[in-house]
Amino acid sequence: MPIAPNRKNPANQAAVIAIAGVLGAVAIAFLLTRIASQASEGEIQLNIGDDKFFVGDAEDLAQKIDDEDVFGGDPLLISGLGNDRDVYVQHIGEDPLAGWLVFAVRPDDATRDCFVVWDRDRSEFVGNDVCPDLVYSEDGRGLRQYPVEIIDGQVVATIAG
């Protein structure tokens, strides 16, 4: 029984695959360049990742924040959430499932080197050496506040914008 000859030329197939690969790479590079250009011009906003930040177990964190031997009774400072969004996580009250606050470490109009620190003796936040006149109460009132909720016993903050 005769076998039909293979009419497909492997060299042609390889050339088609190579051309398709090059065209695909050019298209992807163009799209990424265009998106980056529009984002830098403010035409579009890139939201990469989730705005939800899982801080940790509410009962465990409340105990650690309130315990002078663990965090010194100080609020928890979390740095590096992107876009210069450094925040304090504060717990006020006895109930570990309530009284959670997450707020910015600096006023919106302040430079990155200006931030507030917890003054344990005064029980309030005060400005560092760059902005020593800043004073905020223990709940961070006056600083940007982020929504906080308890999900399955976890402290979850929505860190957006």
N, C-alpha and C. Protein backbone atom coordinates (compact mmCIF):
# COMPACT_ATOMS: atom_id res chain seq x y z
N MET A 1 0.84 -1.16 0.00
CA MET A 1 0.00 0.00 0.00
C MET A 1 0.90 1.24 0.00
N PRO A 2 0.71 2.14 -0.95
CA PRO A 2 1.56 3.32 -1.04
C PRO A 2 1.21 4.34 0.05
N ILE A 3 2.20 5.06 0.49
CA ILE A 3 2.02 6.11 1.51
C ILE A 3 2.01 7.44 0.79
N ALA A 4 1.02 8.28 1.14
CA ALA A 4 0.90 9.58 0.49
C ALA A 4 2.09 10.45 0.86
N PRO A 5 2.62 11.17 -0.09
CA PRO A 5 3.77 12.03 0.21
C PRO A 5 3.36 13.18 1.12
N ASN A 6 4.26 13.61 1.99
CA ASN A 6 4.01 14.74 2.90
C ASN A 6 4.19 16.03 2.12
N ARG A 7 3.08 16.75 1.91
CA ARG A 7 3.14 17.96 1.10
C ARG A 7 3.49 19.18 1.92
N LYS A 8 3.53 19.05 3.22
CA LYS A 8 3.85 20.20 4.07
C LYS A 8 5.36 20.32 4.16
N ASN A 9 5.85 21.48 3.88
CA ASN A 9 7.28 21.75 3.92
C ASN A 9 7.64 22.25 5.32
N PRO A 10 8.47 21.54 6.07
CA PRO A 10 8.84 21.97 7.43
C PRO A 10 9.47 23.35 7.46
N ALA A 11 10.19 23.73 6.43
CA ALA A 11 10.81 25.06 6.40
C ALA A 11 9.74 26.14 6.32
N ASN A 12 8.68 25.90 5.53
CA ASN A 12 7.59 26.88 5.43
C ASN A 12 6.85 26.99 6.76
N GLN A 13 6.61 25.85 7.40
CA GLN A 13 5.93 25.87 8.70
C GLN A 13 6.74 26.65 9.73
N ALA A 14 8.03 26.46 9.75
CA ALA A 14 8.90 27.16 10.71
C ALA A 14 8.89 28.66 10.43
N ALA A 15 8.88 29.04 9.16
CA ALA A 15 8.87 30.46 8.81
C ALA A 15 7.56 31.11 9.26
N VAL A 16 6.44 30.43 9.05
CA VAL A 16 5.13 30.97 9.46
C VAL A 16 5.08 31.13 10.98
N ILE A 17 5.57 30.15 11.70
CA ILE A 17 5.58 30.22 13.17
C ILE A 17 6.48 31.36 13.64
N ALA A 18 7.64 31.52 13.02
CA ALA A 18 8.56 32.60 13.41
C ALA A 18 7.95 33.97 13.14
N ILE A 19 7.31 34.13 11.97
CA ILE A 19 6.68 35.42 11.64
C ILE A 19 5.55 35.72 12.61
N ALA A 20 4.73 34.71 12.91
CA ALA A 20 3.62 34.91 13.85
C ALA A 20 4.15 35.29 15.24
N GLY A 21 5.24 34.67 15.66
CA GLY A 21 5.83 35.00 16.96
C GLY A 21 6.35 36.43 17.01
N VAL A 22 7.02 36.86 15.94
CA VAL A 22 7.55 38.23 15.88
C VAL A 22 6.40 39.23 15.89
N LEU A 23 5.36 38.98 15.09
CA LEU A 23 4.20 39.89 15.05
C LEU A 23 3.50 39.94 16.41
N GLY A 24 3.39 38.81 17.07
CA GLY A 24 2.77 38.78 18.41
C GLY A 24 3.59 39.59 19.41
N ALA A 25 4.91 39.45 19.37
CA ALA A 25 5.78 40.20 20.29
C ALA A 25 5.69 41.69 20.03
N VAL A 26 5.64 42.09 18.75
CA VAL A 26 5.51 43.51 18.40
C VAL A 26 4.18 44.05 18.91
N ALA A 27 3.10 43.30 18.75
CA ALA A 27 1.78 43.74 19.21
C ALA A 27 1.76 43.91 20.73
N ILE A 28 2.33 42.98 21.45
CA ILE A 28 2.37 43.07 22.91
C ILE A 28 3.21 44.27 23.35
N ALA A 29 4.36 44.46 22.71
CA ALA A 29 5.21 45.62 23.06
C ALA A 29 4.47 46.93 22.79
N PHE A 30 3.76 47.00 21.66
CA PHE A 30 2.99 48.21 21.34
C PHE A 30 1.92 48.47 22.40
N LEU A 31 1.17 47.44 22.77
CA LEU A 31 0.11 47.61 23.77
C LEU A 31 0.67 48.06 25.11
N LEU A 32 1.75 47.44 25.56
CA LEU A 32 2.34 47.82 26.84
C LEU A 32 2.86 49.25 26.81
N THR A 33 3.49 49.64 25.71
CA THR A 33 3.99 51.01 25.57
C THR A 33 2.84 52.00 25.57
N ARG A 34 1.77 51.69 24.87
CA ARG A 34 0.61 52.59 24.80
C ARG A 34 -0.06 52.72 26.17
N ILE A 35 -0.23 51.63 26.89
CA ILE A 35 -0.83 51.68 28.23
C ILE A 35 0.03 52.51 29.17
N ALA A 36 1.34 52.28 29.14
CA ALA A 36 2.24 53.04 30.01
C ALA A 36 2.20 54.53 29.68
N SER A 37 2.13 54.85 28.40
CA SER A 37 2.07 56.25 27.98
C SER A 37 0.79 56.91 28.47
N GLN A 38 -0.34 56.25 28.31
CA GLN A 38 -1.62 56.81 28.75
C GLN A 38 -1.67 56.93 30.27
N ALA A 39 -1.11 55.96 30.97
CA ALA A 39 -1.11 56.02 32.43
C ALA A 39 -0.27 57.19 32.92
N SER A 40 0.88 57.43 32.29
CA SER A 40 1.74 58.53 32.73
C SER A 40 1.13 59.88 32.41
N GLU A 41 0.27 59.94 31.41
CA GLU A 41 -0.40 61.19 31.05
C GLU A 41 -1.70 61.38 31.82
N GLY A 42 -2.05 60.41 32.66
CA GLY A 42 -3.26 60.52 33.46
C GLY A 42 -4.53 60.15 32.71
N GLU A 43 -4.40 59.61 31.49
CA GLU A 43 -5.57 59.25 30.71
C GLU A 43 -6.27 58.01 31.27
N ILE A 44 -5.51 57.11 31.84
CA ILE A 44 -6.09 55.92 32.46
C ILE A 44 -5.42 55.70 33.80
N GLN A 45 -6.11 54.99 34.67
CA GLN A 45 -5.55 54.68 35.98
C GLN A 45 -5.32 53.18 36.06
N LEU A 46 -4.11 52.79 36.42
CA LEU A 46 -3.79 51.38 36.57
C LEU A 46 -4.03 50.96 38.01
N ASN A 47 -4.87 49.97 38.19
CA ASN A 47 -5.08 49.39 39.51
C ASN A 47 -4.60 47.96 39.45
N ILE A 48 -3.34 47.77 39.76
CA ILE A 48 -2.75 46.45 39.70
C ILE A 48 -2.82 45.85 41.09
N GLY A 49 -3.43 44.70 41.18
CA GLY A 49 -3.56 44.05 42.47
C GLY A 49 -4.86 44.42 43.15
N ASP A 50 -5.04 43.86 44.29
CA ASP A 50 -6.26 44.04 45.05
C ASP A 50 -6.09 45.18 46.03
N ASP A 51 -7.15 45.98 46.22
CA ASP A 51 -7.11 47.07 47.18
C ASP A 51 -7.29 46.57 48.61
N LYS A 52 -7.70 45.32 48.78
CA LYS A 52 -7.90 44.75 50.11
C LYS A 52 -6.55 44.33 50.68
N PHE A 53 -6.29 44.78 51.89
CA PHE A 53 -5.04 44.44 52.57
C PHE A 53 -5.40 43.66 53.84
N PHE A 54 -5.03 42.40 53.88
CA PHE A 54 -5.31 41.56 55.04
C PHE A 54 -4.21 41.80 56.07
N VAL A 55 -4.58 42.48 57.16
CA VAL A 55 -3.62 42.87 58.18
C VAL A 55 -3.24 41.67 59.04
N GLY A 56 -4.23 40.89 59.45
CA GLY A 56 -3.96 39.72 60.28
C GLY A 56 -5.13 39.37 61.17
N ASP A 57 -4.93 38.39 62.01
CA ASP A 57 -5.96 37.91 62.93
C ASP A 57 -6.30 39.00 63.95
N ALA A 58 -7.59 39.34 64.06
CA ALA A 58 -8.03 40.45 64.91
C ALA A 58 -7.68 40.22 66.38
N GLU A 59 -7.96 39.04 66.90
CA GLU A 59 -7.69 38.79 68.32
C GLU A 59 -6.20 38.82 68.61
N ASP A 60 -5.42 38.19 67.75
CA ASP A 60 -3.97 38.16 67.94
C ASP A 60 -3.36 39.57 67.85
N LEU A 61 -3.76 40.33 66.84
CA LEU A 61 -3.22 41.69 66.68
C LEU A 61 -3.65 42.61 67.81
N ALA A 62 -4.91 42.51 68.23
CA ALA A 62 -5.38 43.37 69.33
C ALA A 62 -4.55 43.12 70.58
N GLN A 63 -4.29 41.85 70.86
CA GLN A 63 -3.49 41.51 72.03
C GLN A 63 -2.07 42.05 71.89
N LYS A 64 -1.48 41.93 70.71
CA LYS A 64 -0.10 42.40 70.51
C LYS A 64 0.00 43.92 70.57
N ILE A 65 -0.98 44.62 69.98
CA ILE A 65 -0.94 46.08 70.01
C ILE A 65 -1.14 46.59 71.43
N ASP A 66 -2.02 45.94 72.18
CA ASP A 66 -2.30 46.38 73.55
C ASP A 66 -1.24 45.94 74.55
N ASP A 67 -0.44 44.94 74.20
CA ASP A 67 0.55 44.38 75.12
C ASP A 67 1.85 45.18 75.04
N GLU A 68 2.22 45.81 76.14
CA GLU A 68 3.44 46.63 76.18
C GLU A 68 4.70 45.81 75.93
N ASP A 69 4.65 44.50 76.18
CA ASP A 69 5.83 43.66 75.99
C ASP A 69 6.03 43.22 74.54
N VAL A 70 5.00 43.32 73.72
CA VAL A 70 5.11 42.87 72.33
C VAL A 70 5.42 44.05 71.41
N PHE A 71 4.45 44.93 71.20
CA PHE A 71 4.66 46.11 70.36
C PHE A 71 4.86 47.36 71.20
N GLY A 72 5.05 47.20 72.48
CA GLY A 72 5.23 48.35 73.36
C GLY A 72 3.95 49.14 73.58
N GLY A 73 2.81 48.52 73.28
CA GLY A 73 1.55 49.23 73.39
C GLY A 73 1.35 50.24 72.28
N ASP A 74 2.16 50.14 71.24
CA ASP A 74 2.11 51.10 70.14
C ASP A 74 1.27 50.56 68.98
N PRO A 75 0.70 51.46 68.18
CA PRO A 75 0.03 51.03 66.96
C PRO A 75 1.03 50.37 66.02
N LEU A 76 0.52 49.56 65.13
CA LEU A 76 1.36 48.85 64.17
C LEU A 76 1.60 49.73 62.95
N LEU A 77 2.86 49.94 62.60
CA LEU A 77 3.21 50.72 61.40
C LEU A 77 3.46 49.75 60.26
N ILE A 78 2.76 49.98 59.15
CA ILE A 78 2.95 49.15 57.96
C ILE A 78 3.40 50.06 56.83
N SER A 79 4.55 49.75 56.28
CA SER A 79 5.15 50.59 55.24
C SER A 79 5.23 49.83 53.93
N GLY A 80 5.20 50.59 52.84
CA GLY A 80 5.44 49.99 51.53
C GLY A 80 4.23 49.36 50.88
N LEU A 81 3.04 49.94 51.07
CA LEU A 81 1.85 49.40 50.42
C LEU A 81 1.69 49.93 49.00
N GLY A 82 2.64 50.63 48.53
CA GLY A 82 2.59 51.18 47.18
C GLY A 82 2.08 52.60 47.18
N ASN A 83 2.52 53.37 46.20
CA ASN A 83 2.11 54.77 46.07
C ASN A 83 2.35 55.55 47.36
N ASP A 84 3.41 55.26 48.07
CA ASP A 84 3.75 55.97 49.31
C ASP A 84 2.65 55.86 50.36
N ARG A 85 1.89 54.77 50.35
CA ARG A 85 0.80 54.60 51.30
C ARG A 85 1.28 53.82 52.52
N ASP A 86 1.96 54.50 53.41
CA ASP A 86 2.35 53.91 54.68
C ASP A 86 1.21 54.19 55.65
N VAL A 87 0.87 53.20 56.46
CA VAL A 87 -0.29 53.35 57.34
C VAL A 87 0.01 52.87 58.75
N TYR A 88 -0.79 53.38 59.68
CA TYR A 88 -0.84 52.85 61.03
C TYR A 88 -2.08 51.98 61.15
N VAL A 89 -1.93 50.87 61.86
CA VAL A 89 -3.07 50.05 62.24
C VAL A 89 -3.23 50.23 63.73
N GLN A 90 -4.37 50.75 64.13
CA GLN A 90 -4.62 51.07 65.53
C GLN A 90 -5.83 50.29 66.03
N HIS A 91 -5.75 49.81 67.25
CA HIS A 91 -6.89 49.16 67.89
C HIS A 91 -7.20 49.92 69.17
N ILE A 92 -8.47 50.33 69.29
CA ILE A 92 -8.91 51.07 70.47
C ILE A 92 -10.09 50.32 71.07
N GLY A 93 -10.02 50.05 72.36
CA GLY A 93 -11.12 49.38 73.05
C GLY A 93 -10.76 47.97 73.47
N GLU A 94 -11.72 47.34 74.12
CA GLU A 94 -11.51 46.00 74.68
C GLU A 94 -11.88 44.88 73.71
N ASP A 95 -12.83 45.13 72.81
CA ASP A 95 -13.33 44.10 71.91
C ASP A 95 -12.37 43.93 70.73
N PRO A 96 -11.76 42.75 70.58
CA PRO A 96 -10.80 42.56 69.48
C PRO A 96 -11.46 42.56 68.10
N LEU A 97 -12.79 42.42 68.05
CA LEU A 97 -13.47 42.42 66.76
C LEU A 97 -14.06 43.78 66.41
N ALA A 98 -13.75 44.79 67.21
CA ALA A 98 -14.23 46.16 66.96
C ALA A 98 -13.12 47.14 67.33
N GLY A 99 -13.28 48.38 66.93
CA GLY A 99 -12.32 49.42 67.31
C GLY A 99 -11.06 49.46 66.46
N TRP A 100 -11.13 48.94 65.25
CA TRP A 100 -9.96 48.93 64.36
C TRP A 100 -9.93 50.17 63.48
N LEU A 101 -8.77 50.75 63.34
CA LEU A 101 -8.57 51.92 62.51
C LEU A 101 -7.31 51.73 61.68
N VAL A 102 -7.37 52.16 60.44
CA VAL A 102 -6.19 52.17 59.57
C VAL A 102 -6.15 53.56 58.94
N PHE A 103 -5.03 54.24 59.12
CA PHE A 103 -4.93 55.61 58.61
C PHE A 103 -3.50 55.92 58.17
N ALA A 104 -3.40 56.95 57.33
CA ALA A 104 -2.11 57.35 56.75
C ALA A 104 -1.17 57.86 57.84
N VAL A 105 0.11 57.74 57.61
CA VAL A 105 1.12 58.20 58.58
C VAL A 105 1.48 59.67 58.36
N ARG A 106 0.93 60.28 57.31
CA ARG A 106 1.24 61.68 57.02
C ARG A 106 0.02 62.34 56.40
N PRO A 107 -0.10 63.65 56.53
CA PRO A 107 -1.18 64.37 55.84
C PRO A 107 -1.01 64.22 54.32
N ASP A 108 -2.11 64.33 53.59
CA ASP A 108 -2.06 64.17 52.14
C ASP A 108 -1.11 65.14 51.46
N ASP A 109 -0.96 66.34 51.99
CA ASP A 109 -0.13 67.35 51.33
C ASP A 109 1.32 67.35 51.82
N ALA A 110 1.68 66.40 52.68
CA ALA A 110 3.04 66.36 53.24
C ALA A 110 4.00 65.61 52.32
N THR A 111 5.27 65.93 52.44
CA THR A 111 6.30 65.21 51.69
C THR A 111 6.55 63.86 52.36
N ARG A 112 7.21 62.98 51.64
CA ARG A 112 7.44 61.62 52.14
C ARG A 112 8.26 61.60 53.43
N ASP A 113 9.15 62.58 53.62
CA ASP A 113 9.99 62.58 54.81
C ASP A 113 9.28 63.15 56.04
N CYS A 114 8.06 63.61 55.87
CA CYS A 114 7.24 64.09 57.00
C CYS A 114 6.25 62.99 57.35
N PHE A 115 6.24 62.57 58.60
CA PHE A 115 5.27 61.57 59.05
C PHE A 115 5.09 61.71 60.55
N VAL A 116 4.02 61.12 61.05
CA VAL A 116 3.77 61.19 62.49
C VAL A 116 4.24 59.90 63.15
N VAL A 117 4.61 60.04 64.42
CA VAL A 117 5.04 58.90 65.23
C VAL A 117 4.20 58.86 66.50
N TRP A 118 4.05 57.70 67.05
CA TRP A 118 3.26 57.53 68.26
C TRP A 118 4.07 57.99 69.47
N ASP A 119 3.49 58.90 70.24
CA ASP A 119 4.10 59.36 71.48
C ASP A 119 3.34 58.68 72.62
N ARG A 120 3.94 57.65 73.17
CA ARG A 120 3.29 56.83 74.20
C ARG A 120 2.94 57.66 75.43
N ASP A 121 3.81 58.58 75.84
CA ASP A 121 3.55 59.39 77.03
C ASP A 121 2.35 60.30 76.86
N ARG A 122 2.16 60.82 75.67
CA ARG A 122 1.05 61.74 75.40
C ARG A 122 -0.18 61.03 74.85
N SER A 123 -0.02 59.76 74.45
CA SER A 123 -1.09 58.98 73.82
C SER A 123 -1.66 59.69 72.60
N GLU A 124 -0.76 60.19 71.77
CA GLU A 124 -1.17 60.82 70.52
C GLU A 124 -0.03 60.73 69.51
N PHE A 125 -0.36 61.01 68.27
CA PHE A 125 0.62 61.01 67.20
C PHE A 125 1.18 62.41 67.04
N VAL A 126 2.50 62.50 66.93
CA VAL A 126 3.15 63.81 66.77
C VAL A 126 4.07 63.74 65.55
N GLY A 127 4.30 64.91 64.94
CA GLY A 127 5.15 64.97 63.77
C GLY A 127 6.61 64.68 64.10
N ASN A 128 7.31 64.14 63.13
CA ASN A 128 8.74 63.89 63.32
C ASN A 128 9.51 65.21 63.20
N ASP A 129 10.84 65.14 63.12
CA ASP A 129 11.67 66.35 63.08
C ASP A 129 11.39 67.24 61.86
N VAL A 130 10.90 66.66 60.78
CA VAL A 130 10.63 67.43 59.57
C VAL A 130 9.36 68.28 59.72
N CYS A 131 8.40 67.76 60.49
CA CYS A 131 7.12 68.47 60.65
C CYS A 131 6.66 68.37 62.11
N PRO A 132 7.42 68.95 63.04
CA PRO A 132 7.18 68.76 64.48
C PRO A 132 5.87 69.37 65.01
N ASP A 133 5.23 70.23 64.24
CA ASP A 133 4.01 70.88 64.73
C ASP A 133 2.76 70.02 64.56
N LEU A 134 2.87 68.89 63.87
CA LEU A 134 1.70 68.04 63.66
C LEU A 134 1.35 67.29 64.93
N VAL A 135 0.05 67.25 65.25
CA VAL A 135 -0.44 66.49 66.41
C VAL A 135 -1.80 65.91 66.03
N TYR A 136 -1.96 64.60 66.26
CA TYR A 136 -3.21 63.90 65.97
C TYR A 136 -3.57 62.99 67.14
N SER A 137 -4.85 62.84 67.38
CA SER A 137 -5.32 61.99 68.47
C SER A 137 -5.04 60.52 68.16
N GLU A 138 -5.25 59.66 69.15
CA GLU A 138 -4.92 58.24 69.00
C GLU A 138 -5.70 57.55 67.89
N ASP A 139 -6.83 58.14 67.48
CA ASP A 139 -7.61 57.54 66.39
C ASP A 139 -7.21 58.07 65.02
N GLY A 140 -6.19 58.93 64.97
CA GLY A 140 -5.70 59.44 63.69
C GLY A 140 -6.64 60.41 63.01
N ARG A 141 -7.61 60.93 63.74
CA ARG A 141 -8.57 61.88 63.16
C ARG A 141 -7.81 63.05 62.54
N GLY A 142 -8.12 63.36 61.27
CA GLY A 142 -7.42 64.40 60.53
C GLY A 142 -6.46 63.84 59.50
N LEU A 143 -6.09 62.58 59.65
CA LEU A 143 -5.28 61.89 58.65
C LEU A 143 -6.21 61.06 57.77
N ARG A 144 -5.75 60.71 56.59
CA ARG A 144 -6.59 59.91 55.68
C ARG A 144 -6.92 58.57 56.35
N GLN A 145 -8.21 58.29 56.46
CA GLN A 145 -8.70 57.05 57.07
C GLN A 145 -9.07 56.06 55.97
N TYR A 146 -8.77 54.80 56.19
CA TYR A 146 -9.12 53.74 55.25
C TYR A 146 -10.16 52.83 55.89
N PRO A 147 -11.15 52.39 55.10
CA PRO A 147 -12.18 51.50 55.65
C PRO A 147 -11.58 50.19 56.16
N VAL A 148 -12.11 49.75 57.29
CA VAL A 148 -11.65 48.50 57.91
C VAL A 148 -12.86 47.63 58.19
N GLU A 149 -12.72 46.34 57.96
CA GLU A 149 -13.77 45.39 58.31
C GLU A 149 -13.12 44.13 58.85
N ILE A 150 -13.92 43.36 59.55
CA ILE A 150 -13.45 42.07 60.06
C ILE A 150 -14.11 41.00 59.20
N ILE A 151 -13.29 40.19 58.55
CA ILE A 151 -13.78 39.11 57.70
C ILE A 151 -13.21 37.80 58.24
N ASP A 152 -14.10 36.94 58.72
CA ASP A 152 -13.68 35.65 59.29
C ASP A 152 -12.58 35.82 60.34
N GLY A 153 -12.74 36.84 61.19
CA GLY A 153 -11.79 37.07 62.27
C GLY A 153 -10.52 37.79 61.85
N GLN A 154 -10.43 38.17 60.59
CA GLN A 154 -9.24 38.85 60.07
C GLN A 154 -9.52 40.35 59.91
N VAL A 155 -8.55 41.18 60.28
CA VAL A 155 -8.64 42.62 60.05
C VAL A 155 -8.28 42.86 58.59
N VAL A 156 -9.21 43.49 57.86
CA VAL A 156 -9.02 43.73 56.43
C VAL A 156 -9.26 45.22 56.16
N ALA A 157 -8.28 45.87 55.58
CA ALA A 157 -8.39 47.29 55.24
C ALA A 157 -8.47 47.44 53.73
N THR A 158 -9.26 48.40 53.29
CA THR A 158 -9.32 48.72 51.87
C THR A 158 -8.41 49.92 51.64
N ILE A 159 -7.27 49.65 51.04
CA ILE A 159 -6.25 50.68 50.82
C ILE A 159 -6.34 51.09 49.35
N ALA A 160 -7.08 52.14 49.09
CA ALA A 160 -7.25 52.61 47.71
C ALA A 160 -6.96 54.10 47.65
N GLY A 161 -6.47 54.50 46.48
CA GLY A 161 -6.26 55.91 46.20
C GLY A 161 -5.33 56.61 47.03
